[in-house]
Amino acid sequence: MAVERVGVYPGTFDPITKGHSDIILRATKLVDRLIIGVARNAGKGPLFSIDERVQIVRDEVEALNGQAVRVEVRPFDNLLMDFVVGCGAKIIIRGLRAVSDFEYEFQMAGMNARLNNEIETVFLMAADRYQFIASRFVKEIGLLGGDVRHFVSARVAERLESRFARARIGEPAG
């Protein structure tokens, strides 16, 4: 019997974009089971809470439908390598948009390899139509009242619009 190939696709997903969804779909072709690790990453000052981001990602994965592999979504707030080992994974999936992403990801992959050389990092290039999408730009466009539906699903756009509308009238974000 073949060993199950388990991969982890980590990120803050604040919010999940069409680029993230594309990487998820493509990663499912490489592994038998994909675990999307939603990082707490309070240092980045996320717009959505960890629970909200996990639910948003779960909703997006459910909408992708018909996957031959199992996809799970789990929050994490520990060292990525510890999370990966705890998931029983041997592969980390990372998406790359540009050369600037590669420099950072290359360093991170090297550090992770030093921590555990049994875990491989696999880089997937963003599809051409998604190479420019970054969650931070999506949030900035949304905050300023711009249409973000080119970059995120309609479900995510509605959540962003609601969050920013509440912020404009002074209601609490959560």
N, C-alpha and C. Protein backbone atom coordinates (compact mmCIF):
# COMPACT_ATOMS: atom_id res chain seq x y z
N MET A 1 0.84 -1.19 0.00
CA MET A 1 0.00 0.00 0.00
C MET A 1 0.88 1.25 0.00
N ALA A 2 0.56 2.21 -0.84
CA ALA A 2 1.34 3.43 -0.96
C ALA A 2 1.12 4.32 0.27
N VAL A 3 2.15 5.06 0.59
CA VAL A 3 2.08 6.01 1.69
C VAL A 3 1.27 7.23 1.22
N GLU A 4 0.35 7.67 2.06
CA GLU A 4 -0.46 8.85 1.73
C GLU A 4 0.43 10.09 1.69
N ARG A 5 0.32 10.84 0.60
CA ARG A 5 1.06 12.11 0.49
C ARG A 5 0.20 13.22 1.06
N VAL A 6 0.68 13.79 2.17
CA VAL A 6 -0.05 14.86 2.85
C VAL A 6 0.75 16.15 2.67
N GLY A 7 0.06 17.18 2.23
CA GLY A 7 0.68 18.49 2.06
C GLY A 7 0.00 19.53 2.91
N VAL A 8 0.76 20.57 3.28
CA VAL A 8 0.22 21.69 4.04
C VAL A 8 0.43 22.95 3.22
N TYR A 9 -0.63 23.70 3.05
CA TYR A 9 -0.58 25.01 2.39
C TYR A 9 -0.85 26.05 3.47
N PRO A 10 0.20 26.68 4.01
CA PRO A 10 0.02 27.64 5.10
C PRO A 10 -0.14 29.07 4.60
N GLY A 11 -0.81 29.88 5.40
CA GLY A 11 -0.94 31.30 5.09
C GLY A 11 -1.84 31.97 6.11
N THR A 12 -1.92 33.29 6.02
CA THR A 12 -2.85 34.01 6.90
C THR A 12 -4.24 34.09 6.27
N PHE A 13 -4.30 34.08 4.94
CA PHE A 13 -5.58 34.09 4.22
C PHE A 13 -6.50 35.19 4.75
N ASP A 14 -5.99 36.41 4.74
CA ASP A 14 -6.73 37.56 5.30
C ASP A 14 -6.90 38.64 4.25
N PRO A 15 -7.77 38.44 3.28
CA PRO A 15 -8.67 37.32 3.05
C PRO A 15 -8.09 36.35 2.03
N ILE A 16 -8.76 35.22 1.86
CA ILE A 16 -8.40 34.27 0.81
C ILE A 16 -8.79 34.91 -0.52
N THR A 17 -7.89 34.81 -1.50
CA THR A 17 -8.11 35.43 -2.81
C THR A 17 -8.31 34.34 -3.87
N LYS A 18 -8.64 34.79 -5.08
CA LYS A 18 -8.74 33.86 -6.19
C LYS A 18 -7.40 33.19 -6.47
N GLY A 19 -6.31 33.89 -6.20
CA GLY A 19 -4.98 33.31 -6.36
C GLY A 19 -4.76 32.16 -5.38
N HIS A 20 -5.18 32.34 -4.13
CA HIS A 20 -5.07 31.26 -3.14
C HIS A 20 -5.89 30.05 -3.59
N SER A 21 -7.11 30.30 -4.05
CA SER A 21 -7.98 29.20 -4.49
C SER A 21 -7.36 28.44 -5.65
N ASP A 22 -6.72 29.15 -6.56
CA ASP A 22 -6.05 28.51 -7.68
C ASP A 22 -4.91 27.61 -7.19
N ILE A 23 -4.13 28.09 -6.24
CA ILE A 23 -3.04 27.27 -5.68
C ILE A 23 -3.62 26.04 -4.97
N ILE A 24 -4.72 26.20 -4.25
CA ILE A 24 -5.35 25.07 -3.58
C ILE A 24 -5.76 24.00 -4.59
N LEU A 25 -6.44 24.42 -5.64
CA LEU A 25 -6.86 23.46 -6.67
C LEU A 25 -5.68 22.75 -7.29
N ARG A 26 -4.63 23.47 -7.59
CA ARG A 26 -3.46 22.87 -8.22
C ARG A 26 -2.70 21.99 -7.25
N ALA A 27 -2.66 22.36 -5.97
CA ALA A 27 -1.98 21.54 -4.96
C ALA A 27 -2.68 20.21 -4.77
N THR A 28 -3.99 20.19 -4.95
CA THR A 28 -4.72 18.92 -4.77
C THR A 28 -4.32 17.88 -5.81
N LYS A 29 -3.70 18.32 -6.89
CA LYS A 29 -3.23 17.37 -7.91
C LYS A 29 -1.91 16.72 -7.50
N LEU A 30 -1.25 17.30 -6.49
CA LEU A 30 0.08 16.83 -6.07
C LEU A 30 0.06 15.96 -4.83
N VAL A 31 -1.00 16.07 -4.05
CA VAL A 31 -1.06 15.34 -2.78
C VAL A 31 -2.36 14.58 -2.67
N ASP A 32 -2.37 13.58 -1.80
CA ASP A 32 -3.58 12.81 -1.54
C ASP A 32 -4.51 13.55 -0.58
N ARG A 33 -3.91 14.32 0.31
CA ARG A 33 -4.67 15.10 1.29
C ARG A 33 -3.97 16.42 1.48
N LEU A 34 -4.74 17.50 1.43
CA LEU A 34 -4.19 18.85 1.59
C LEU A 34 -4.78 19.47 2.85
N ILE A 35 -3.89 19.98 3.69
CA ILE A 35 -4.32 20.69 4.89
C ILE A 35 -3.96 22.15 4.70
N ILE A 36 -4.97 22.99 4.76
CA ILE A 36 -4.74 24.43 4.66
C ILE A 36 -4.57 24.93 6.08
N GLY A 37 -3.37 25.40 6.38
CA GLY A 37 -3.06 25.90 7.71
C GLY A 37 -3.26 27.41 7.75
N VAL A 38 -4.25 27.85 8.53
CA VAL A 38 -4.53 29.28 8.66
C VAL A 38 -3.77 29.79 9.89
N ALA A 39 -2.76 30.62 9.62
CA ALA A 39 -1.89 31.11 10.70
C ALA A 39 -2.57 32.23 11.47
N ARG A 40 -2.45 32.15 12.78
CA ARG A 40 -2.99 33.20 13.64
C ARG A 40 -2.34 34.53 13.28
N ASN A 41 -1.03 34.57 13.29
CA ASN A 41 -0.22 35.71 12.83
C ASN A 41 -0.75 37.07 13.25
N ALA A 42 -0.94 37.24 14.55
CA ALA A 42 -1.46 38.51 15.08
C ALA A 42 -0.52 39.67 14.76
N GLY A 43 0.75 39.38 14.52
CA GLY A 43 1.72 40.44 14.20
C GLY A 43 1.39 41.17 12.91
N LYS A 44 0.66 40.52 12.01
CA LYS A 44 0.27 41.17 10.76
C LYS A 44 -0.99 42.02 10.92
N GLY A 45 -1.61 41.99 12.11
CA GLY A 45 -2.82 42.75 12.34
C GLY A 45 -3.94 42.37 11.39
N PRO A 46 -4.36 41.11 11.40
CA PRO A 46 -5.37 40.66 10.44
C PRO A 46 -6.70 41.40 10.59
N LEU A 47 -7.38 41.56 9.47
CA LEU A 47 -8.70 42.19 9.44
C LEU A 47 -9.74 41.27 10.07
N PHE A 48 -9.63 39.96 9.78
CA PHE A 48 -10.57 38.98 10.30
C PHE A 48 -9.90 38.17 11.40
N SER A 49 -10.69 37.75 12.39
CA SER A 49 -10.17 36.92 13.47
C SER A 49 -9.76 35.55 12.90
N ILE A 50 -9.03 34.79 13.67
CA ILE A 50 -8.61 33.46 13.23
C ILE A 50 -9.84 32.59 12.95
N ASP A 51 -10.85 32.65 13.81
CA ASP A 51 -12.06 31.85 13.60
C ASP A 51 -12.78 32.26 12.32
N GLU A 52 -12.85 33.56 12.06
CA GLU A 52 -13.49 34.03 10.84
C GLU A 52 -12.72 33.57 9.60
N ARG A 53 -11.39 33.69 9.65
CA ARG A 53 -10.58 33.29 8.49
C ARG A 53 -10.69 31.79 8.22
N VAL A 54 -10.69 30.99 9.27
CA VAL A 54 -10.85 29.54 9.09
C VAL A 54 -12.20 29.25 8.44
N GLN A 55 -13.25 29.90 8.90
CA GLN A 55 -14.58 29.66 8.33
C GLN A 55 -14.66 30.15 6.89
N ILE A 56 -14.07 31.30 6.60
CA ILE A 56 -14.07 31.83 5.23
C ILE A 56 -13.34 30.86 4.30
N VAL A 57 -12.19 30.35 4.74
CA VAL A 57 -11.44 29.40 3.91
C VAL A 57 -12.24 28.11 3.74
N ARG A 58 -12.86 27.63 4.79
CA ARG A 58 -13.70 26.42 4.68
C ARG A 58 -14.82 26.64 3.66
N ASP A 59 -15.46 27.80 3.71
CA ASP A 59 -16.53 28.10 2.76
C ASP A 59 -16.00 28.11 1.33
N GLU A 60 -14.82 28.68 1.13
CA GLU A 60 -14.24 28.74 -0.21
C GLU A 60 -13.87 27.34 -0.70
N VAL A 61 -13.30 26.52 0.17
CA VAL A 61 -12.92 25.15 -0.21
C VAL A 61 -14.17 24.36 -0.57
N GLU A 62 -15.22 24.52 0.22
CA GLU A 62 -16.47 23.82 -0.06
C GLU A 62 -17.02 24.22 -1.43
N ALA A 63 -16.86 25.47 -1.79
CA ALA A 63 -17.36 25.97 -3.08
C ALA A 63 -16.53 25.46 -4.26
N LEU A 64 -15.30 25.02 -3.99
CA LEU A 64 -14.46 24.51 -5.07
C LEU A 64 -14.97 23.17 -5.59
N ASN A 65 -15.63 22.41 -4.69
CA ASN A 65 -16.31 21.16 -5.06
C ASN A 65 -15.44 20.12 -5.78
N GLY A 66 -15.96 18.90 -5.76
CA GLY A 66 -15.49 17.81 -6.58
C GLY A 66 -14.02 17.46 -6.51
N GLN A 67 -13.38 17.71 -5.40
CA GLN A 67 -11.96 17.39 -5.30
C GLN A 67 -11.78 15.90 -5.04
N ALA A 68 -10.81 15.31 -5.73
CA ALA A 68 -10.52 13.89 -5.56
C ALA A 68 -9.76 13.66 -4.26
N VAL A 69 -9.21 14.71 -3.71
CA VAL A 69 -8.46 14.56 -2.46
C VAL A 69 -9.24 15.23 -1.34
N ARG A 70 -8.90 14.85 -0.15
CA ARG A 70 -9.50 15.51 1.01
C ARG A 70 -8.76 16.80 1.28
N VAL A 71 -9.51 17.85 1.54
CA VAL A 71 -8.94 19.14 1.92
C VAL A 71 -9.50 19.49 3.29
N GLU A 72 -8.59 19.79 4.21
CA GLU A 72 -8.99 20.20 5.56
C GLU A 72 -8.48 21.61 5.80
N VAL A 73 -9.14 22.32 6.68
CA VAL A 73 -8.70 23.66 7.06
C VAL A 73 -8.51 23.66 8.57
N ARG A 74 -7.31 24.04 9.00
CA ARG A 74 -7.01 24.05 10.44
C ARG A 74 -6.27 25.35 10.80
N PRO A 75 -6.62 25.92 11.95
CA PRO A 75 -5.84 27.07 12.43
C PRO A 75 -4.54 26.58 13.06
N PHE A 76 -3.53 27.45 13.08
CA PHE A 76 -2.32 27.11 13.84
C PHE A 76 -1.65 28.38 14.32
N ASP A 77 -0.96 28.25 15.46
CA ASP A 77 -0.25 29.40 16.02
C ASP A 77 1.11 29.00 16.56
N ASN A 78 1.65 27.92 16.00
CA ASN A 78 2.97 27.46 16.42
C ASN A 78 3.92 27.51 15.23
N LEU A 79 5.12 27.03 15.43
CA LEU A 79 6.11 26.97 14.37
C LEU A 79 5.57 26.13 13.22
N LEU A 80 5.70 26.62 12.00
CA LEU A 80 5.15 25.91 10.84
C LEU A 80 5.64 24.47 10.79
N MET A 81 6.92 24.25 11.03
CA MET A 81 7.45 22.88 10.94
C MET A 81 6.80 21.98 11.98
N ASP A 82 6.51 22.50 13.16
CA ASP A 82 5.83 21.70 14.17
C ASP A 82 4.40 21.38 13.72
N PHE A 83 3.74 22.37 13.12
CA PHE A 83 2.38 22.15 12.61
C PHE A 83 2.39 21.09 11.51
N VAL A 84 3.34 21.18 10.59
CA VAL A 84 3.44 20.23 9.48
C VAL A 84 3.65 18.81 10.01
N VAL A 85 4.58 18.64 10.92
CA VAL A 85 4.84 17.33 11.51
C VAL A 85 3.59 16.82 12.23
N GLY A 86 2.93 17.70 12.99
CA GLY A 86 1.71 17.32 13.70
C GLY A 86 0.59 16.88 12.78
N CYS A 87 0.60 17.38 11.55
CA CYS A 87 -0.41 16.99 10.55
C CYS A 87 -0.03 15.70 9.84
N GLY A 88 1.18 15.21 10.08
CA GLY A 88 1.64 14.02 9.38
C GLY A 88 2.02 14.30 7.93
N ALA A 89 2.34 15.55 7.64
CA ALA A 89 2.66 15.96 6.27
C ALA A 89 4.16 15.88 6.02
N LYS A 90 4.51 15.77 4.75
CA LYS A 90 5.91 15.76 4.33
C LYS A 90 6.18 16.85 3.28
N ILE A 91 5.12 17.61 2.93
CA ILE A 91 5.24 18.60 1.88
C ILE A 91 4.60 19.91 2.34
N ILE A 92 5.31 21.01 2.11
CA ILE A 92 4.76 22.34 2.30
C ILE A 92 4.55 22.93 0.91
N ILE A 93 3.36 23.43 0.66
CA ILE A 93 3.02 24.06 -0.62
C ILE A 93 3.10 25.57 -0.43
N ARG A 94 3.81 26.24 -1.32
CA ARG A 94 3.88 27.70 -1.28
C ARG A 94 3.62 28.25 -2.67
N GLY A 95 2.85 29.31 -2.73
CA GLY A 95 2.57 29.97 -3.99
C GLY A 95 3.54 31.12 -4.20
N LEU A 96 3.95 31.31 -5.44
CA LEU A 96 4.86 32.40 -5.79
C LEU A 96 4.20 33.27 -6.84
N ARG A 97 4.26 34.60 -6.62
CA ARG A 97 3.71 35.53 -7.61
C ARG A 97 4.82 36.20 -8.41
N ALA A 98 5.91 36.53 -7.74
CA ALA A 98 6.95 37.33 -8.39
C ALA A 98 8.31 36.97 -7.81
N VAL A 99 9.34 37.54 -8.40
CA VAL A 99 10.71 37.29 -7.93
C VAL A 99 10.86 37.69 -6.47
N SER A 100 10.21 38.77 -6.06
CA SER A 100 10.31 39.20 -4.66
C SER A 100 9.75 38.14 -3.72
N ASP A 101 8.69 37.44 -4.12
CA ASP A 101 8.17 36.32 -3.32
C ASP A 101 9.22 35.22 -3.23
N PHE A 102 9.87 34.94 -4.35
CA PHE A 102 10.84 33.84 -4.38
C PHE A 102 11.97 34.08 -3.39
N GLU A 103 12.49 35.28 -3.32
CA GLU A 103 13.60 35.56 -2.40
C GLU A 103 13.22 35.24 -0.96
N TYR A 104 12.06 35.71 -0.53
CA TYR A 104 11.59 35.45 0.82
C TYR A 104 11.33 33.96 1.03
N GLU A 105 10.60 33.34 0.08
CA GLU A 105 10.24 31.93 0.22
C GLU A 105 11.47 31.02 0.16
N PHE A 106 12.45 31.39 -0.64
CA PHE A 106 13.69 30.62 -0.74
C PHE A 106 14.40 30.61 0.62
N GLN A 107 14.47 31.77 1.27
CA GLN A 107 15.08 31.85 2.60
C GLN A 107 14.28 31.01 3.61
N MET A 108 12.96 31.13 3.56
CA MET A 108 12.12 30.39 4.49
C MET A 108 12.27 28.89 4.28
N ALA A 109 12.30 28.45 3.03
CA ALA A 109 12.47 27.03 2.73
C ALA A 109 13.80 26.52 3.27
N GLY A 110 14.84 27.34 3.15
CA GLY A 110 16.15 26.96 3.67
C GLY A 110 16.14 26.82 5.19
N MET A 111 15.51 27.77 5.85
CA MET A 111 15.41 27.70 7.31
C MET A 111 14.59 26.47 7.74
N ASN A 112 13.49 26.24 7.05
CA ASN A 112 12.65 25.08 7.38
C ASN A 112 13.40 23.77 7.15
N ALA A 113 14.20 23.71 6.09
CA ALA A 113 14.98 22.50 5.82
C ALA A 113 15.99 22.25 6.93
N ARG A 114 16.54 23.32 7.50
CA ARG A 114 17.46 23.16 8.64
C ARG A 114 16.74 22.63 9.87
N LEU A 115 15.49 23.04 10.03
CA LEU A 115 14.71 22.57 11.17
C LEU A 115 14.28 21.12 11.01
N ASN A 116 13.97 20.73 9.75
CA ASN A 116 13.53 19.36 9.50
C ASN A 116 13.76 19.05 8.02
N ASN A 117 14.82 18.32 7.74
CA ASN A 117 15.16 18.06 6.33
C ASN A 117 14.32 16.94 5.70
N GLU A 118 13.36 16.41 6.43
CA GLU A 118 12.46 15.41 5.86
C GLU A 118 11.21 16.04 5.24
N ILE A 119 11.04 17.33 5.43
CA ILE A 119 9.90 18.05 4.88
C ILE A 119 10.37 18.81 3.64
N GLU A 120 9.68 18.60 2.53
CA GLU A 120 10.01 19.28 1.27
C GLU A 120 9.09 20.46 1.06
N THR A 121 9.63 21.53 0.51
CA THR A 121 8.82 22.69 0.13
C THR A 121 8.66 22.66 -1.38
N VAL A 122 7.42 22.77 -1.83
CA VAL A 122 7.10 22.78 -3.26
C VAL A 122 6.52 24.15 -3.59
N PHE A 123 7.09 24.79 -4.60
CA PHE A 123 6.63 26.11 -5.03
C PHE A 123 5.74 25.97 -6.25
N LEU A 124 4.59 26.62 -6.22
CA LEU A 124 3.70 26.67 -7.37
C LEU A 124 3.62 28.12 -7.82
N MET A 125 3.91 28.34 -9.08
CA MET A 125 3.81 29.70 -9.64
C MET A 125 2.33 30.06 -9.77
N ALA A 126 2.02 31.29 -9.40
CA ALA A 126 0.65 31.77 -9.58
C ALA A 126 0.32 31.80 -11.07
N ALA A 127 -0.92 31.49 -11.39
CA ALA A 127 -1.37 31.61 -12.77
C ALA A 127 -1.26 33.07 -13.19
N ASP A 128 -1.01 33.30 -14.46
CA ASP A 128 -0.81 34.66 -14.97
C ASP A 128 -1.85 35.65 -14.47
N ARG A 129 -3.11 35.25 -14.50
CA ARG A 129 -4.19 36.19 -14.15
C ARG A 129 -4.24 36.51 -12.66
N TYR A 130 -3.46 35.79 -11.84
CA TYR A 130 -3.48 36.03 -10.40
C TYR A 130 -2.16 36.55 -9.85
N GLN A 131 -1.16 36.73 -10.68
CA GLN A 131 0.17 37.08 -10.19
C GLN A 131 0.23 38.41 -9.44
N PHE A 132 -0.66 39.29 -9.70
CA PHE A 132 -0.61 40.61 -9.08
C PHE A 132 -1.47 40.71 -7.82
N ILE A 133 -2.26 39.69 -7.53
CA ILE A 133 -3.19 39.77 -6.40
C ILE A 133 -2.47 39.53 -5.08
N ALA A 134 -2.65 40.45 -4.16
CA ALA A 134 -2.13 40.31 -2.80
C ALA A 134 -3.24 40.69 -1.83
N SER A 135 -3.39 39.93 -0.77
CA SER A 135 -4.45 40.20 0.21
C SER A 135 -4.38 41.63 0.73
N ARG A 136 -3.17 42.13 0.97
CA ARG A 136 -3.06 43.49 1.52
C ARG A 136 -3.61 44.53 0.55
N PHE A 137 -3.43 44.32 -0.76
CA PHE A 137 -3.98 45.26 -1.74
C PHE A 137 -5.50 45.13 -1.81
N VAL A 138 -5.98 43.91 -1.71
CA VAL A 138 -7.43 43.68 -1.73
C VAL A 138 -8.06 44.43 -0.56
N LYS A 139 -7.47 44.33 0.62
CA LYS A 139 -8.01 45.03 1.79
C LYS A 139 -7.96 46.54 1.60
N GLU A 140 -6.89 47.05 1.04
CA GLU A 140 -6.76 48.49 0.83
C GLU A 140 -7.81 48.99 -0.17
N ILE A 141 -7.99 48.26 -1.26
CA ILE A 141 -8.99 48.63 -2.26
C ILE A 141 -10.38 48.61 -1.63
N GLY A 142 -10.68 47.56 -0.86
CA GLY A 142 -11.97 47.45 -0.20
C GLY A 142 -12.20 48.55 0.81
N LEU A 143 -11.20 48.87 1.59
CA LEU A 143 -11.31 49.92 2.60
C LEU A 143 -11.64 51.26 1.96
N LEU A 144 -11.10 51.49 0.78
CA LEU A 144 -11.32 52.76 0.08
C LEU A 144 -12.55 52.73 -0.81
N GLY A 145 -13.35 51.66 -0.69
CA GLY A 145 -14.62 51.59 -1.39
C GLY A 145 -14.55 51.03 -2.80
N GLY A 146 -13.40 50.47 -3.18
CA GLY A 146 -13.26 49.91 -4.52
C GLY A 146 -13.88 48.52 -4.63
N ASP A 147 -14.09 48.09 -5.85
CA ASP A 147 -14.69 46.78 -6.13
C ASP A 147 -13.60 45.71 -6.09
N VAL A 148 -13.71 44.77 -5.16
CA VAL A 148 -12.70 43.72 -4.99
C VAL A 148 -13.11 42.40 -5.65
N ARG A 149 -14.24 42.38 -6.34
CA ARG A 149 -14.76 41.13 -6.90
C ARG A 149 -13.90 40.56 -8.02
N HIS A 150 -12.97 41.32 -8.54
CA HIS A 150 -12.02 40.79 -9.53
C HIS A 150 -10.99 39.89 -8.86
N PHE A 151 -10.80 40.07 -7.56
CA PHE A 151 -9.69 39.44 -6.85
C PHE A 151 -10.10 38.35 -5.87
N VAL A 152 -11.36 38.41 -5.42
CA VAL A 152 -11.87 37.44 -4.44
C VAL A 152 -13.24 36.96 -4.91
N SER A 153 -13.70 35.86 -4.34
CA SER A 153 -15.04 35.36 -4.68
C SER A 153 -16.10 36.35 -4.21
N ALA A 154 -17.31 36.18 -4.73
CA ALA A 154 -18.43 37.03 -4.31
C ALA A 154 -18.68 36.89 -2.80
N ARG A 155 -18.50 35.66 -2.27
CA ARG A 155 -18.71 35.43 -0.83
C ARG A 155 -17.73 36.26 0.00
N VAL A 156 -16.46 36.23 -0.40
CA VAL A 156 -15.44 36.97 0.33
C VAL A 156 -15.65 38.47 0.15
N ALA A 157 -16.01 38.89 -1.04
CA ALA A 157 -16.26 40.32 -1.30
C ALA A 157 -17.37 40.84 -0.39
N GLU A 158 -18.43 40.05 -0.22
CA GLU A 158 -19.52 40.46 0.66
C GLU A 158 -19.05 40.62 2.10
N ARG A 159 -18.22 39.70 2.55
CA ARG A 159 -17.68 39.80 3.92
C ARG A 159 -16.83 41.05 4.07
N LEU A 160 -16.00 41.32 3.07
CA LEU A 160 -15.15 42.52 3.12
C LEU A 160 -16.01 43.78 3.11
N GLU A 161 -16.99 43.83 2.22
CA GLU A 161 -17.85 45.01 2.13
C GLU A 161 -18.57 45.26 3.45
N SER A 162 -19.06 44.19 4.06
CA SER A 162 -19.74 44.31 5.34
C SER A 162 -18.79 44.83 6.43
N ARG A 163 -17.60 44.26 6.47
CA ARG A 163 -16.61 44.67 7.47
C ARG A 163 -16.24 46.14 7.31
N PHE A 164 -16.01 46.56 6.08
CA PHE A 164 -15.61 47.94 5.84
C PHE A 164 -16.77 48.91 6.03
N ALA A 165 -17.98 48.50 5.73
CA ALA A 165 -19.15 49.36 5.96
C ALA A 165 -19.31 49.62 7.45
N ARG A 166 -19.15 48.57 8.26
CA ARG A 166 -19.25 48.73 9.71
C ARG A 166 -18.15 49.64 10.23
N ALA A 167 -16.95 49.50 9.66
CA ALA A 167 -15.82 50.33 10.10
C ALA A 167 -16.09 51.80 9.77
N ARG A 168 -16.72 52.06 8.61
CA ARG A 168 -16.98 53.45 8.21
C ARG A 168 -18.03 54.11 9.11
N ILE A 169 -18.94 53.32 9.67
CA ILE A 169 -19.94 53.93 10.55
C ILE A 169 -19.57 53.77 12.03
N GLY A 170 -18.37 53.27 12.27
CA GLY A 170 -17.85 53.24 13.63
C GLY A 170 -18.25 52.06 14.47
N GLU A 171 -18.83 51.01 13.86
CA GLU A 171 -19.17 49.82 14.64
C GLU A 171 -17.92 48.98 14.87
N PRO A 172 -17.92 48.16 15.90
CA PRO A 172 -16.79 47.27 16.12
C PRO A 172 -16.60 46.33 14.92
N ALA A 173 -15.35 46.00 14.61
CA ALA A 173 -15.03 45.16 13.45
C ALA A 173 -15.53 43.74 13.63
N GLY A 174 -15.53 43.19 14.83
CA GLY A 174 -15.86 41.78 15.03
C GLY A 174 -17.28 41.60 15.20
